[in-house]
Amino acid sequence: MNKIKEFREQLGITQEELARAINTSQGAISHYELGYRDVNLKTCRDITQFFISLGLNISLDDVFPPDAA
């Protein structure tokens, strides 16, 4: 499961603000957070880069942890 919601809430931003920043809908962000929709690689990178631009020291794997083997 991804950690979009965890980092978004840590930054104090809404789903709508994140959606605008990466050019998608608030509904898509909600579905990503709930695991109803898979996130493509470009969107993963866009979300991670946006969080970094707001001051988080994170990597793609922090937001989207690899599945445990």
Foldseek 3Di string as FASTA:
>chain_A
DFCLVVLCVVLPHALCVLCVQLVHHSVVSVCVVVVVDDDDPVRLVSSVVVSVVSPDPDDSCNGVPDDDD
